[in-house]
Amino acid sequence: MNAFQASSLKSILESKNGLHLSVYLEKDDPRLSIDRQVSDALQAAEEFLRPVVSPEDLRRFLDPVEGLLGDARLLRQVDGNVGLFRTFDSFRMLRLPVDVERITVVADTFHVKPLLKWKQIDREFLLVGVEAGHASLYQGSLHALRYVDSVQLGDIAKREQGVSKAEELTEWLNEWIFKLTRCTHSRIYVAGEPRTVHGLFKRLRYVNVHRENLNAVFRPSSMPGICENVRALLQQEARQTLEHALVEFFEADELNLTQKSIFQVARSAVQGNVKKLIVAEGINVFGRIDRKTGDLSIHPADLDHEDDDLLD
């Protein structure tokens, strides 16, 4: 089960064609246990699938989900809500660090709108911790942190006479950043011994650096507080990004450069003419879209296995 970063959602967001089952479970729903939610999801999925697949294929399709009922401890131990995503060729279970509404959808694509909030607010970061004679590198997100590597600065000083601690640390860090950021540009945060951190800020070639020492002391016991400081900064940045998007929308609306009708938006979307799409939370509009013309048919509910949430 993976909840390290929202970028891991790419395969789910882009999956299309064929049967797709999406199940969202609310871990802390006081009205319904997680086991009962899985049972209800299986029943709803069977109602959608029974008219279009054979009994053998139906059992094969739902078997991974049914298997969770035989290992209910796995679901109970999950810290957060749960998303289940099933096609005939794949099955993924994700721990979701955002609020979701309990729902089961069978369609031609996955029901991904509940994931967009996670994708919107999630930010990856790199954290460098500098102690006496020792430095460590961590990779994190808003909801996870993992250790990458460490280096003994005392050993470096013995090997590289005449090279300062900060210079050697910078070279080591630059090498690791290059390996970690070939496909990303995560921001670097630094905490630890002030003199070394100051030299690091002066020499570091990496552009996306938060140039403020988060804490003058770095040790394992200080990690939770340091990470909370980083995440608070990232959450503030996410809110500012959303606010800027809304301001951009209102300014464009004054110039008649926006569309609010879902029918007009759909036609523009299939033609590649949508620069930015703002979608309201908590609203599902089921129906079908012609992916060539953008024509829509809207239904009062999720009627069958071909209905999608059009806002996806």
C-alpha atoms as a PDB file:
ATOM      1  CA  MET A   1       0.000   0.000   0.000  1.00  0.00           C
ATOM      2  CA  ASN A   2       1.490   3.293  -1.066  1.00  0.00           C
ATOM      3  CA  ALA A   3       0.739   6.846  -0.009  1.00  0.00           C
ATOM      4  CA  PHE A   4       4.200   8.336  -0.342  1.00  0.00           C
ATOM      5  CA  GLN A   5       3.438  10.862  -3.037  1.00  0.00           C
ATOM      6  CA  ALA A   6       0.567  11.902  -5.265  1.00  0.00           C
ATOM      7  CA  SER A   7       2.796  11.603  -8.349  1.00  0.00           C
ATOM      8  CA  SER A   8       2.383   7.829  -7.991  1.00  0.00           C
ATOM      9  CA  LEU A   9      -1.214   8.300  -9.205  1.00  0.00           C
ATOM     10  CA  LYS A  10      -0.225   8.766 -12.855  1.00  0.00           C
ATOM     11  CA  SER A  11      -1.155   5.239 -13.983  1.00  0.00           C
ATOM     12  CA  ILE A  12      -4.561   5.532 -12.297  1.00  0.00           C
ATOM     13  CA  LEU A  13      -5.317   8.981 -13.697  1.00  0.00           C
ATOM     14  CA  GLU A  14      -4.379   7.981 -17.244  1.00  0.00           C
ATOM     15  CA  SER A  15      -5.981   4.516 -17.367  1.00  0.00           C
ATOM     16  CA  LYS A  16      -8.830   4.184 -19.852  1.00  0.00           C
ATOM     17  CA  ASN A  17     -10.781   1.634 -21.924  1.00  0.00           C
ATOM     18  CA  GLY A  18     -12.266  -1.540 -20.483  1.00  0.00           C
ATOM     19  CA  LEU A  19     -13.899  -2.101 -17.124  1.00  0.00           C
ATOM     20  CA  HIS A  20     -12.605   0.017 -14.218  1.00  0.00           C
ATOM     21  CA  LEU A  21     -13.745  -0.452 -10.628  1.00  0.00           C
ATOM     22  CA  SER A  22     -13.099   2.381  -8.161  1.00  0.00           C
ATOM     23  CA  VAL A  23     -13.933   1.970  -4.480  1.00  0.00           C
ATOM     24  CA  TYR A  24     -13.401   4.634  -1.816  1.00  0.00           C
ATOM     25  CA  LEU A  25     -13.638   3.605   1.843  1.00  0.00           C
ATOM     26  CA  GLU A  26     -13.897   5.884   4.882  1.00  0.00           C
ATOM     27  CA  LYS A  27     -11.703   4.347   7.568  1.00  0.00           C
ATOM     28  CA  ASP A  28     -13.196   6.263  10.517  1.00  0.00           C
ATOM     29  CA  ASP A  29     -16.865   6.263   9.483  1.00  0.00           C
ATOM     30  CA  PRO A  30     -18.681   5.646  12.802  1.00  0.00           C
ATOM     31  CA  ARG A  31     -21.790   4.421  11.014  1.00  0.00           C
ATOM     32  CA  LEU A  32     -20.231   1.565   9.038  1.00  0.00           C
ATOM     33  CA  SER A  33     -17.226  -0.658   9.701  1.00  0.00           C
ATOM     34  CA  ILE A  34     -14.531  -0.944   7.030  1.00  0.00           C
ATOM     35  CA  ASP A  35     -15.477  -4.624   6.496  1.00  0.00           C
ATOM     36  CA  ARG A  36     -19.103  -3.708   5.878  1.00  0.00           C
ATOM     37  CA  GLN A  37     -18.060  -0.982   3.445  1.00  0.00           C
ATOM     38  CA  VAL A  38     -16.099  -3.553   1.409  1.00  0.00           C
ATOM     39  CA  SER A  39     -19.102  -5.918   1.419  1.00  0.00           C
ATOM     40  CA  ASP A  40     -21.419  -3.145   0.237  1.00  0.00           C
ATOM     41  CA  ALA A  41     -18.923  -2.176  -2.480  1.00  0.00           C
ATOM     42  CA  LEU A  42     -18.781  -5.773  -3.731  1.00  0.00           C
ATOM     43  CA  GLN A  43     -22.571  -5.928  -3.896  1.00  0.00           C
ATOM     44  CA  ALA A  44     -22.775  -2.650  -5.823  1.00  0.00           C
ATOM     45  CA  ALA A  45     -20.026  -3.747  -8.225  1.00  0.00           C
ATOM     46  CA  GLU A  46     -21.775  -7.063  -8.911  1.00  0.00           C
ATOM     47  CA  GLU A  47     -24.975  -5.219  -9.851  1.00  0.00           C
ATOM     48  CA  PHE A  48     -23.074  -3.183 -12.447  1.00  0.00           C
ATOM     49  CA  LEU A  49     -20.975  -6.065 -13.786  1.00  0.00           C
ATOM     50  CA  ARG A  50     -23.372  -9.021 -13.833  1.00  0.00           C
ATOM     51  CA  PRO A  51     -25.168  -7.934 -17.063  1.00  0.00           C
ATOM     52  CA  VAL A  52     -21.918  -7.515 -19.036  1.00  0.00           C
ATOM     53  CA  VAL A  53     -19.482 -10.252 -17.906  1.00  0.00           C
ATOM     54  CA  SER A  54     -19.705 -13.999 -17.458  1.00  0.00           C
ATOM     55  CA  PRO A  55     -19.964 -15.466 -13.943  1.00  0.00           C
ATOM     56  CA  GLU A  56     -16.381 -16.729 -14.234  1.00  0.00           C
ATOM     57  CA  ASP A  57     -15.036 -13.317 -15.263  1.00  0.00           C
ATOM     58  CA  LEU A  58     -17.122 -11.639 -12.563  1.00  0.00           C
ATOM     59  CA  ARG A  59     -15.503 -13.783  -9.863  1.00  0.00           C
ATOM     60  CA  ARG A  60     -12.033 -13.260 -11.315  1.00  0.00           C
ATOM     61  CA  PHE A  61     -12.549  -9.499 -11.500  1.00  0.00           C
ATOM     62  CA  LEU A  62     -13.786  -9.148  -7.924  1.00  0.00           C
ATOM     63  CA  ASP A  63     -11.528 -11.765  -6.344  1.00  0.00           C
ATOM     64  CA  PRO A  64      -8.802  -9.289  -5.142  1.00  0.00           C
ATOM     65  CA  VAL A  65     -11.437  -7.141  -3.439  1.00  0.00           C
ATOM     66  CA  GLU A  66     -13.131 -10.144  -1.847  1.00  0.00           C
ATOM     67  CA  GLY A  67      -9.725 -11.234  -0.588  1.00  0.00           C
ATOM     68  CA  LEU A  68      -9.644  -8.188   1.669  1.00  0.00           C
ATOM     69  CA  LEU A  69     -12.555  -9.598   3.655  1.00  0.00           C
ATOM     70  CA  GLY A  70     -10.413 -12.639   4.433  1.00  0.00           C
ATOM     71  CA  ASP A  71      -7.652 -10.373   5.746  1.00  0.00           C
ATOM     72  CA  ALA A  72      -9.678  -7.703   7.486  1.00  0.00           C
ATOM     73  CA  ARG A  73      -6.771  -6.852   9.803  1.00  0.00           C
ATOM     74  CA  LEU A  74      -4.973  -5.265   6.858  1.00  0.00           C
ATOM     75  CA  LEU A  75      -7.748  -2.733   6.353  1.00  0.00           C
ATOM     76  CA  ARG A  76      -8.149  -2.048  10.069  1.00  0.00           C
ATOM     77  CA  GLN A  77      -4.445  -1.271  10.411  1.00  0.00           C
ATOM     78  CA  VAL A  78      -4.504   1.323   7.637  1.00  0.00           C
ATOM     79  CA  ASP A  79      -3.867   4.856   8.851  1.00  0.00           C
ATOM     80  CA  GLY A  80      -6.246   6.872   6.692  1.00  0.00           C
ATOM     81  CA  ASN A  81      -8.909   6.309   4.093  1.00  0.00           C
ATOM     82  CA  VAL A  82      -8.560   3.678   1.380  1.00  0.00           C
ATOM     83  CA  GLY A  83      -8.903   3.622  -2.402  1.00  0.00           C
ATOM     84  CA  LEU A  84      -9.254   0.379  -4.384  1.00  0.00           C
ATOM     85  CA  PHE A  85      -8.654   0.417  -8.148  1.00  0.00           C
ATOM     86  CA  ARG A  86      -9.288  -2.686 -10.250  1.00  0.00           C
ATOM     87  CA  THR A  87      -9.137  -3.604 -13.935  1.00  0.00           C
ATOM     88  CA  PHE A  88      -8.841  -7.101 -15.383  1.00  0.00           C
ATOM     89  CA  ASP A  89      -5.074  -6.570 -15.568  1.00  0.00           C
ATOM     90  CA  SER A  90      -4.310  -4.710 -12.341  1.00  0.00           C
ATOM     91  CA  PHE A  91      -5.305  -4.121  -8.733  1.00  0.00           C
ATOM     92  CA  ARG A  92      -4.045  -1.273  -6.530  1.00  0.00           C
ATOM     93  CA  MET A  93      -4.878  -0.349  -2.969  1.00  0.00           C
ATOM     94  CA  LEU A  94      -3.858   3.122  -1.788  1.00  0.00           C
ATOM     95  CA  ARG A  95      -3.868   4.747   1.608  1.00  0.00           C
ATOM     96  CA  LEU A  96      -5.403   8.159   0.979  1.00  0.00           C
ATOM     97  CA  PRO A  97      -4.248  11.007   3.263  1.00  0.00           C
ATOM     98  CA  VAL A  98      -7.264  13.169   2.347  1.00  0.00           C
ATOM     99  CA  ASP A  99     -10.984  13.069   3.118  1.00  0.00           C
ATOM    100  CA  VAL A 100     -13.092  11.043   0.671  1.00  0.00           C
ATOM    101  CA  GLU A 101     -16.748  10.198   0.248  1.00  0.00           C
ATOM    102  CA  ARG A 102     -17.605   6.499   0.354  1.00  0.00           C
ATOM    103  CA  ILE A 103     -18.541   5.465  -3.181  1.00  0.00           C
ATOM    104  CA  THR A 104     -18.289   2.559  -5.664  1.00  0.00           C
ATOM    105  CA  VAL A 105     -18.060   3.307  -9.390  1.00  0.00           C
ATOM    106  CA  VAL A 106     -17.789   0.968 -12.380  1.00  0.00           C
ATOM    107  CA  ALA A 107     -16.942   2.823 -15.594  1.00  0.00           C
ATOM    108  CA  ASP A 108     -14.619   2.992 -18.609  1.00  0.00           C
ATOM    109  CA  THR A 109     -12.069   4.945 -16.531  1.00  0.00           C
ATOM    110  CA  PHE A 110     -11.269   5.207 -12.840  1.00  0.00           C
ATOM    111  CA  HIS A 111     -13.245   7.630 -10.682  1.00  0.00           C
ATOM    112  CA  VAL A 112     -10.325   9.948  -9.932  1.00  0.00           C
ATOM    113  CA  LYS A 113     -11.910  13.208  -8.805  1.00  0.00           C
ATOM    114  CA  PRO A 114     -11.480  12.309  -5.094  1.00  0.00           C
ATOM    115  CA  LEU A 115      -7.729  11.982  -5.781  1.00  0.00           C
ATOM    116  CA  LEU A 116      -7.342  15.435  -7.300  1.00  0.00           C
ATOM    117  CA  LYS A 117      -7.293  17.187  -3.923  1.00  0.00           C
ATOM    118  CA  TRP A 118      -4.390  14.974  -2.870  1.00  0.00           C
ATOM    119  CA  LYS A 119      -2.591  15.659  -6.129  1.00  0.00           C
ATOM    120  CA  GLN A 120      -3.221  19.386  -5.733  1.00  0.00           C
ATOM    121  CA  ILE A 121      -1.930  19.782  -2.177  1.00  0.00           C
ATOM    122  CA  ASP A 122       0.880  17.233  -2.172  1.00  0.00           C
ATOM    123  CA  ARG A 123       4.411  18.600  -2.360  1.00  0.00           C
ATOM    124  CA  GLU A 124       7.650  16.645  -2.357  1.00  0.00           C
ATOM    125  CA  PHE A 125      10.717  17.944  -0.573  1.00  0.00           C
ATOM    126  CA  LEU A 126      14.297  17.035   0.286  1.00  0.00           C
ATOM    127  CA  LEU A 127      15.564  17.517   3.827  1.00  0.00           C
ATOM    128  CA  VAL A 128      19.257  17.731   4.676  1.00  0.00           C
ATOM    129  CA  GLY A 129      20.164  17.273   8.329  1.00  0.00           C
ATOM    130  CA  VAL A 130      23.647  18.313   9.469  1.00  0.00           C
ATOM    131  CA  GLU A 131      25.051  17.072  12.787  1.00  0.00           C
ATOM    132  CA  ALA A 132      28.581  17.156  14.187  1.00  0.00           C
ATOM    133  CA  GLY A 133      30.654  15.284  11.596  1.00  0.00           C
ATOM    134  CA  HIS A 134      27.579  13.744   9.992  1.00  0.00           C
ATOM    135  CA  ALA A 135      24.936  14.646   7.389  1.00  0.00           C
ATOM    136  CA  SER A 136      21.771  12.832   6.306  1.00  0.00           C
ATOM    137  CA  LEU A 137      19.460  13.202   3.335  1.00  0.00           C
ATOM    138  CA  TYR A 138      15.708  12.470   3.461  1.00  0.00           C
ATOM    139  CA  GLN A 139      12.949  12.597   0.847  1.00  0.00           C
ATOM    140  CA  GLY A 140       9.465  13.515   1.986  1.00  0.00           C
ATOM    141  CA  SER A 141       5.994  14.681   1.100  1.00  0.00           C
ATOM    142  CA  LEU A 142       3.105  16.138   3.056  1.00  0.00           C
ATOM    143  CA  HIS A 143       2.322  12.722   4.516  1.00  0.00           C
ATOM    144  CA  ALA A 144       5.491  10.621   4.405  1.00  0.00           C
ATOM    145  CA  LEU A 145       9.239  10.683   4.902  1.00  0.00           C
ATOM    146  CA  ARG A 146      11.962   8.235   3.946  1.00  0.00           C
ATOM    147  CA  TYR A 147      15.672   8.072   4.654  1.00  0.00           C
ATOM    148  CA  VAL A 148      17.903   8.234   1.556  1.00  0.00           C
ATOM    149  CA  ASP A 149      21.518   8.205   2.670  1.00  0.00           C
ATOM    150  CA  SER A 150      24.089   9.720   5.016  1.00  0.00           C
ATOM    151  CA  VAL A 151      27.751  10.648   4.998  1.00  0.00           C
ATOM    152  CA  GLN A 152      30.399  10.901   7.712  1.00  0.00           C
ATOM    153  CA  LEU A 153      31.993  14.318   7.331  1.00  0.00           C
ATOM    154  CA  GLY A 154      34.896  13.340   9.554  1.00  0.00           C
ATOM    155  CA  ASP A 155      35.894  10.593   7.100  1.00  0.00           C
ATOM    156  CA  ILE A 156      35.679  13.093   4.246  1.00  0.00           C
ATOM    157  CA  ALA A 157      37.994  15.514   6.048  1.00  0.00           C
ATOM    158  CA  LYS A 158      40.606  12.768   6.426  1.00  0.00           C
ATOM    159  CA  ARG A 159      40.443  11.829   2.753  1.00  0.00           C
ATOM    160  CA  GLU A 160      40.255  15.342   1.333  1.00  0.00           C
ATOM    161  CA  GLN A 161      42.809  17.458   3.095  1.00  0.00           C
ATOM    162  CA  GLY A 162      42.490  21.153   2.293  1.00  0.00           C
ATOM    163  CA  VAL A 163      38.818  20.855   1.345  1.00  0.00           C
ATOM    164  CA  SER A 164      36.432  22.418   3.853  1.00  0.00           C
ATOM    165  CA  LYS A 165      33.585  20.489   5.376  1.00  0.00           C
ATOM    166  CA  ALA A 166      30.964  22.678   3.676  1.00  0.00           C
ATOM    167  CA  GLU A 167      32.572  22.308   0.233  1.00  0.00           C
ATOM    168  CA  GLU A 168      32.753  18.527   0.478  1.00  0.00           C
ATOM    169  CA  LEU A 169      29.223  18.323   1.867  1.00  0.00           C
ATOM    170  CA  THR A 170      28.028  20.462  -1.032  1.00  0.00           C
ATOM    171  CA  GLU A 171      29.636  18.164  -3.602  1.00  0.00           C
ATOM    172  CA  TRP A 172      28.156  15.087  -1.951  1.00  0.00           C
ATOM    173  CA  LEU A 173      24.729  16.703  -1.766  1.00  0.00           C
ATOM    174  CA  ASN A 174      24.867  17.939  -5.366  1.00  0.00           C
ATOM    175  CA  GLU A 175      25.563  14.397  -6.537  1.00  0.00           C
ATOM    176  CA  TRP A 176      22.610  13.016  -4.590  1.00  0.00           C
ATOM    177  CA  ILE A 177      20.314  15.800  -5.764  1.00  0.00           C
ATOM    178  CA  PHE A 178      21.240  15.034  -9.364  1.00  0.00           C
ATOM    179  CA  LYS A 179      20.280  11.394  -8.883  1.00  0.00           C
ATOM    180  CA  LEU A 180      17.029  12.199  -7.093  1.00  0.00           C
ATOM    181  CA  THR A 181      15.806  15.077  -9.230  1.00  0.00           C
ATOM    182  CA  ARG A 182      16.146  13.863 -12.793  1.00  0.00           C
ATOM    183  CA  CYS A 183      12.353  13.853 -13.024  1.00  0.00           C
ATOM    184  CA  THR A 184      11.502  16.375 -10.315  1.00  0.00           C
ATOM    185  CA  HIS A 185      12.601  19.686  -8.856  1.00  0.00           C
ATOM    186  CA  SER A 186      11.777  19.186  -5.192  1.00  0.00           C
ATOM    187  CA  ARG A 187      12.635  22.001  -2.844  1.00  0.00           C
ATOM    188  CA  ILE A 188      15.526  21.456  -0.439  1.00  0.00           C
ATOM    189  CA  TYR A 189      15.263  22.332   3.243  1.00  0.00           C
ATOM    190  CA  VAL A 190      18.278  22.298   5.557  1.00  0.00           C
ATOM    191  CA  ALA A 191      18.582  22.001   9.322  1.00  0.00           C
ATOM    192  CA  GLY A 192      21.590  21.641  11.588  1.00  0.00           C
ATOM    193  CA  GLU A 193      24.938  23.032  12.650  1.00  0.00           C
ATOM    194  CA  PRO A 194      24.790  26.750  11.685  1.00  0.00           C
ATOM    195  CA  ARG A 195      28.353  27.199  10.393  1.00  0.00           C
ATOM    196  CA  THR A 196      28.180  24.252   8.002  1.00  0.00           C
ATOM    197  CA  VAL A 197      24.646  25.171   6.894  1.00  0.00           C
ATOM    198  CA  HIS A 198      25.741  28.753   6.177  1.00  0.00           C
ATOM    199  CA  GLY A 199      28.577  27.498   3.969  1.00  0.00           C
ATOM    200  CA  LEU A 200      26.199  25.112   2.270  1.00  0.00           C
ATOM    201  CA  PHE A 201      23.818  27.921   1.345  1.00  0.00           C
ATOM    202  CA  LYS A 202      26.711  29.899  -0.193  1.00  0.00           C
ATOM    203  CA  ARG A 203      28.000  27.066  -2.396  1.00  0.00           C
ATOM    204  CA  LEU A 204      24.949  24.988  -3.300  1.00  0.00           C
ATOM    205  CA  ARG A 205      24.287  25.114  -7.043  1.00  0.00           C
ATOM    206  CA  TYR A 206      20.777  23.718  -6.793  1.00  0.00           C
ATOM    207  CA  VAL A 207      18.248  26.491  -7.464  1.00  0.00           C
ATOM    208  CA  ASN A 208      15.147  25.422  -5.533  1.00  0.00           C
ATOM    209  CA  VAL A 209      16.461  25.870  -1.982  1.00  0.00           C
ATOM    210  CA  HIS A 210      14.686  27.241   1.079  1.00  0.00           C
ATOM    211  CA  ARG A 211      17.534  29.448   2.297  1.00  0.00           C
ATOM    212  CA  GLU A 212      16.744  29.470   5.970  1.00  0.00           C
ATOM    213  CA  ASN A 213      18.113  27.071   8.550  1.00  0.00           C
ATOM    214  CA  LEU A 214      15.049  25.334   9.971  1.00  0.00           C
ATOM    215  CA  ASN A 215      16.717  24.399  13.238  1.00  0.00           C
ATOM    216  CA  ALA A 216      20.201  24.985  14.641  1.00  0.00           C
ATOM    217  CA  VAL A 217      20.257  21.434  16.035  1.00  0.00           C
ATOM    218  CA  PHE A 218      19.539  18.316  14.008  1.00  0.00           C
ATOM    219  CA  ARG A 219      19.106  14.916  15.630  1.00  0.00           C
ATOM    220  CA  PRO A 220      16.562  12.077  15.306  1.00  0.00           C
ATOM    221  CA  SER A 221      14.485  13.426  18.189  1.00  0.00           C
ATOM    222  CA  SER A 222      14.082  16.782  16.416  1.00  0.00           C
ATOM    223  CA  MET A 223      12.894  15.251  13.114  1.00  0.00           C
ATOM    224  CA  PRO A 224       9.114  15.367  13.821  1.00  0.00           C
ATOM    225  CA  GLY A 225       9.193  19.076  14.642  1.00  0.00           C
ATOM    226  CA  ILE A 226      11.401  19.940  11.659  1.00  0.00           C
ATOM    227  CA  CYS A 227       9.164  17.988   9.274  1.00  0.00           C
ATOM    228  CA  GLU A 228       6.068  19.700  10.650  1.00  0.00           C
ATOM    229  CA  ASN A 229       7.698  23.078   9.947  1.00  0.00           C
ATOM    230  CA  VAL A 230       8.439  22.016   6.365  1.00  0.00           C
ATOM    231  CA  ARG A 231       4.919  20.710   5.825  1.00  0.00           C
ATOM    232  CA  ALA A 232       3.376  23.881   7.221  1.00  0.00           C
ATOM    233  CA  LEU A 233       5.361  25.873   4.669  1.00  0.00           C
ATOM    234  CA  LEU A 234       4.277  23.523   1.875  1.00  0.00           C
ATOM    235  CA  GLN A 235       0.612  23.681   2.877  1.00  0.00           C
ATOM    236  CA  GLN A 236       0.787  27.471   2.861  1.00  0.00           C
ATOM    237  CA  GLU A 237       2.289  27.290  -0.620  1.00  0.00           C
ATOM    238  CA  ALA A 238      -0.521  24.972  -1.779  1.00  0.00           C
ATOM    239  CA  ARG A 239      -3.164  27.389  -0.482  1.00  0.00           C
ATOM    240  CA  GLN A 240      -1.458  30.279  -2.251  1.00  0.00           C
ATOM    241  CA  THR A 241      -1.360  28.285  -5.495  1.00  0.00           C
ATOM    242  CA  LEU A 242      -5.113  27.675  -5.273  1.00  0.00           C
ATOM    243  CA  GLU A 243      -5.782  31.315  -4.452  1.00  0.00           C
ATOM    244  CA  HIS A 244      -3.741  32.415  -7.471  1.00  0.00           C
ATOM    245  CA  ALA A 245      -5.687  30.001  -9.683  1.00  0.00           C
ATOM    246  CA  LEU A 246      -8.994  31.459  -8.485  1.00  0.00           C
ATOM    247  CA  VAL A 247      -7.793  35.014  -9.061  1.00  0.00           C
ATOM    248  CA  GLU A 248      -6.674  33.999 -12.547  1.00  0.00           C
ATOM    249  CA  PHE A 249     -10.135  32.525 -13.188  1.00  0.00           C
ATOM    250  CA  PHE A 250     -12.001  35.622 -12.031  1.00  0.00           C
ATOM    251  CA  GLU A 251      -9.769  37.879 -14.137  1.00  0.00           C
ATOM    252  CA  ALA A 252     -10.301  35.673 -17.185  1.00  0.00           C
ATOM    253  CA  ASP A 253     -14.044  35.613 -16.499  1.00  0.00           C
ATOM    254  CA  GLU A 254     -14.168  39.417 -16.665  1.00  0.00           C
ATOM    255  CA  LEU A 255     -12.600  39.159 -20.131  1.00  0.00           C
ATOM    256  CA  ASN A 256     -15.103  36.493 -21.242  1.00  0.00           C
ATOM    257  CA  LEU A 257     -12.320  33.911 -21.505  1.00  0.00           C
ATOM    258  CA  THR A 258     -14.012  31.260 -19.340  1.00  0.00           C
ATOM    259  CA  GLN A 259     -16.674  28.620 -19.796  1.00  0.00           C
ATOM    260  CA  LYS A 260     -18.978  27.518 -16.968  1.00  0.00           C
ATOM    261  CA  SER A 261     -21.350  25.230 -18.871  1.00  0.00           C
ATOM    262  CA  ILE A 262     -20.266  21.600 -18.605  1.00  0.00           C
ATOM    263  CA  PHE A 263     -21.373  21.083 -22.216  1.00  0.00           C
ATOM    264  CA  GLN A 264     -19.129  23.879 -23.489  1.00  0.00           C
ATOM    265  CA  VAL A 265     -16.246  22.771 -21.256  1.00  0.00           C
ATOM    266  CA  ALA A 266     -16.468  19.206 -22.577  1.00  0.00           C
ATOM    267  CA  ARG A 267     -16.288  20.332 -26.203  1.00  0.00           C
ATOM    268  CA  SER A 268     -13.312  22.580 -25.442  1.00  0.00           C
ATOM    269  CA  ALA A 269     -11.571  19.822 -23.488  1.00  0.00           C
ATOM    270  CA  VAL A 270     -11.607  17.208 -26.258  1.00  0.00           C
ATOM    271  CA  GLN A 271     -10.220  19.857 -28.631  1.00  0.00           C
ATOM    272  CA  GLY A 272      -7.359  20.624 -26.252  1.00  0.00           C
ATOM    273  CA  ASN A 273      -8.520  24.187 -25.635  1.00  0.00           C
ATOM    274  CA  VAL A 274      -8.694  24.141 -21.812  1.00  0.00           C
ATOM    275  CA  LYS A 275      -5.767  25.839 -20.058  1.00  0.00           C
ATOM    276  CA  LYS A 276      -6.953  25.267 -16.497  1.00  0.00           C
ATOM    277  CA  LEU A 277      -9.950  23.390 -15.095  1.00  0.00           C
ATOM    278  CA  ILE A 278     -11.460  24.162 -11.684  1.00  0.00           C
ATOM    279  CA  VAL A 279     -13.716  21.411 -10.314  1.00  0.00           C
ATOM    280  CA  ALA A 280     -15.949  21.686  -7.240  1.00  0.00           C
ATOM    281  CA  GLU A 281     -15.617  19.123  -4.460  1.00  0.00           C
ATOM    282  CA  GLY A 282     -18.497  16.888  -3.442  1.00  0.00           C
ATOM    283  CA  ILE A 283     -20.338  16.944  -6.781  1.00  0.00           C
ATOM    284  CA  ASN A 284     -20.714  13.916  -9.083  1.00  0.00           C
ATOM    285  CA  VAL A 285     -22.262  14.310 -12.533  1.00  0.00           C
ATOM    286  CA  PHE A 286     -22.714  10.904 -14.154  1.00  0.00           C
ATOM    287  CA  GLY A 287     -23.209  10.331 -17.839  1.00  0.00           C
ATOM    288  CA  ARG A 288     -21.254   9.722 -21.039  1.00  0.00           C
ATOM    289  CA  ILE A 289     -18.985  11.806 -23.207  1.00  0.00           C
ATOM    290  CA  ASP A 290     -18.145  11.419 -26.873  1.00  0.00           C
ATOM    291  CA  ARG A 291     -14.360  11.672 -26.781  1.00  0.00           C
ATOM    292  CA  LYS A 292     -14.239  12.902 -30.379  1.00  0.00           C
ATOM    293  CA  THR A 293     -16.894  15.617 -30.338  1.00  0.00           C
ATOM    294  CA  GLY A 294     -17.260  16.356 -26.626  1.00  0.00           C
ATOM    295  CA  ASP A 295     -21.025  15.814 -26.760  1.00  0.00           C
ATOM    296  CA  LEU A 296     -22.514  14.817 -23.400  1.00  0.00           C
ATOM    297  CA  SER A 297     -25.468  12.868 -22.123  1.00  0.00           C
ATOM    298  CA  ILE A 298     -26.135  13.498 -18.436  1.00  0.00           C
ATOM    299  CA  HIS A 299     -27.902  10.910 -16.270  1.00  0.00           C
ATOM    300  CA  PRO A 300     -29.617  11.371 -12.904  1.00  0.00           C
ATOM    301  CA  ALA A 301     -27.372   8.706 -11.317  1.00  0.00           C
ATOM    302  CA  ASP A 302     -24.670   6.155 -12.117  1.00  0.00           C
ATOM    303  CA  LEU A 303     -26.868   3.948 -14.299  1.00  0.00           C
ATOM    304  CA  ASP A 304     -24.512   1.269 -15.659  1.00  0.00           C
ATOM    305  CA  HIS A 305     -20.913   0.192 -16.260  1.00  0.00           C
ATOM    306  CA  GLU A 306     -20.452   2.715 -19.094  1.00  0.00           C
ATOM    307  CA  ASP A 307     -21.369   5.774 -17.027  1.00  0.00           C
ATOM    308  CA  ASP A 308     -18.484   7.959 -15.884  1.00  0.00           C
ATOM    309  CA  ASP A 309     -18.383  10.883 -13.496  1.00  0.00           C
ATOM    310  CA  LEU A 310     -18.074  13.513 -16.211  1.00  0.00           C
ATOM    311  CA  LEU A 311     -16.096  15.791 -13.907  1.00  0.00           C
ATOM    312  CA  ASP A 312     -13.299  13.200 -13.931  1.00  0.00           C
END
